């Protein structure tokens, strides 16, 4: 999936000086990182929590990965059951 364009924006504290802790998506490190937001202006790459940031910009497992993990989990479960029934 394509990330929204806002995820590529730099952390923008803005000119005010409220110094609130916010999170931005760092497109270089591919992580959501903390920064100090002044409280006004700035840009859209600004989230109240790391979770919100990850939801919008971060790595959430895609459908293919989820299917693969489900298949692996099913395989492990089947093996465990066979061992128990022995």
Protein backbone atom coordinates (compact mmCIF):
# COMPACT_ATOMS: atom_id res chain seq x y z
CA UNK A 1 0.00 0.00 0.00
CA UNK A 2 1.05 3.55 -0.75
CA UNK A 3 1.63 5.80 2.21
CA UNK A 4 -0.24 9.11 2.28
CA UNK A 5 1.85 12.03 1.01
CA UNK A 6 1.88 13.64 4.48
CA UNK A 7 4.14 10.82 5.69
CA UNK A 8 7.01 12.23 3.60
CA UNK A 9 6.81 15.70 5.16
CA UNK A 10 9.54 16.72 7.63
CA UNK A 11 8.80 17.25 11.33
CA UNK A 12 7.59 20.87 11.49
CA UNK A 13 7.49 22.37 15.02
CA UNK A 14 5.93 25.66 13.84
CA UNK A 15 6.66 29.13 15.29
CA UNK A 16 4.78 28.83 18.61
CA UNK A 17 6.39 27.61 21.81
CA UNK A 18 3.95 25.30 23.56
CA UNK A 19 6.43 22.38 23.24
CA UNK A 20 3.93 19.55 23.09
CA UNK A 21 5.19 16.03 22.52
CA UNK A 22 3.92 14.76 19.19
CA UNK A 23 4.95 12.05 16.75
CA UNK A 24 5.91 12.26 13.09
CA UNK A 25 6.70 9.62 10.51
CA UNK A 26 10.38 9.74 9.59
CA UNK A 27 10.51 8.54 5.97
CA UNK A 28 14.29 7.97 6.24
CA UNK A 29 14.27 5.64 9.26
CA UNK A 30 10.76 4.36 8.40
CA UNK A 31 9.72 4.86 12.03
CA UNK A 32 7.37 7.10 13.96
CA UNK A 33 9.47 9.40 16.12
CA UNK A 34 8.83 11.93 18.85
CA UNK A 35 9.27 15.66 18.28
CA UNK A 36 8.30 18.88 20.07
CA UNK A 37 5.41 20.73 18.46
CA UNK A 38 4.98 24.42 19.22
CA UNK A 39 1.19 24.32 19.10
CA UNK A 40 0.45 26.25 15.91
CA UNK A 41 1.01 25.94 12.16
CA UNK A 42 3.35 23.07 11.30
CA UNK A 43 2.15 20.42 8.85
CA UNK A 44 -0.01 17.30 8.70
CA UNK A 45 2.81 14.87 9.59
CA UNK A 46 1.96 15.22 13.27
CA UNK A 47 0.18 12.70 15.46
CA UNK A 48 -0.90 12.66 19.10
CA UNK A 49 0.51 9.17 19.66
CA UNK A 50 2.90 6.69 18.10
CA UNK A 51 -0.05 4.36 17.46
CA UNK A 52 -1.92 7.03 15.45
CA UNK A 53 1.26 7.72 13.49
CA UNK A 54 1.77 4.02 12.72
CA UNK A 55 -1.88 3.64 11.70
CA UNK A 56 -1.47 6.35 9.07
CA UNK A 57 2.13 6.00 7.95
CA UNK A 58 3.77 3.03 9.60
CA UNK A 59 4.16 -0.61 8.71
CA UNK A 60 0.89 -2.33 9.30
CA UNK A 61 0.94 -5.95 8.05
CA UNK A 62 -0.53 -6.29 4.58
CA UNK A 63 -3.06 -8.94 3.59
CA UNK A 64 -0.39 -11.28 2.18
CA UNK A 65 1.67 -11.18 5.38
CA UNK A 66 -1.40 -11.74 7.54
CA UNK A 67 -2.40 -14.76 5.43
CA UNK A 68 1.12 -16.21 5.68
CA UNK A 69 1.15 -15.79 9.47
CA UNK A 70 -2.27 -17.41 9.74
CA UNK A 71 -1.05 -20.36 7.64
CA UNK A 72 2.05 -20.74 9.84
CA UNK A 73 -0.07 -20.61 12.99
CA UNK A 74 -2.43 -23.25 11.57
CA UNK A 75 0.55 -25.47 10.69
CA UNK A 76 1.98 -25.21 14.20
CA UNK A 77 -1.42 -25.97 15.71
CA UNK A 78 -1.82 -29.08 13.52
CA UNK A 79 1.64 -30.36 14.54
CA UNK A 80 0.86 -29.85 18.24
CA UNK A 81 -2.44 -31.75 17.90
CA UNK A 82 -0.76 -34.69 16.13
CA UNK A 83 1.83 -34.89 18.91
CA UNK A 84 -0.88 -34.94 21.60
CA UNK A 85 -2.85 -37.68 19.84
CA UNK A 86 0.46 -39.51 19.25
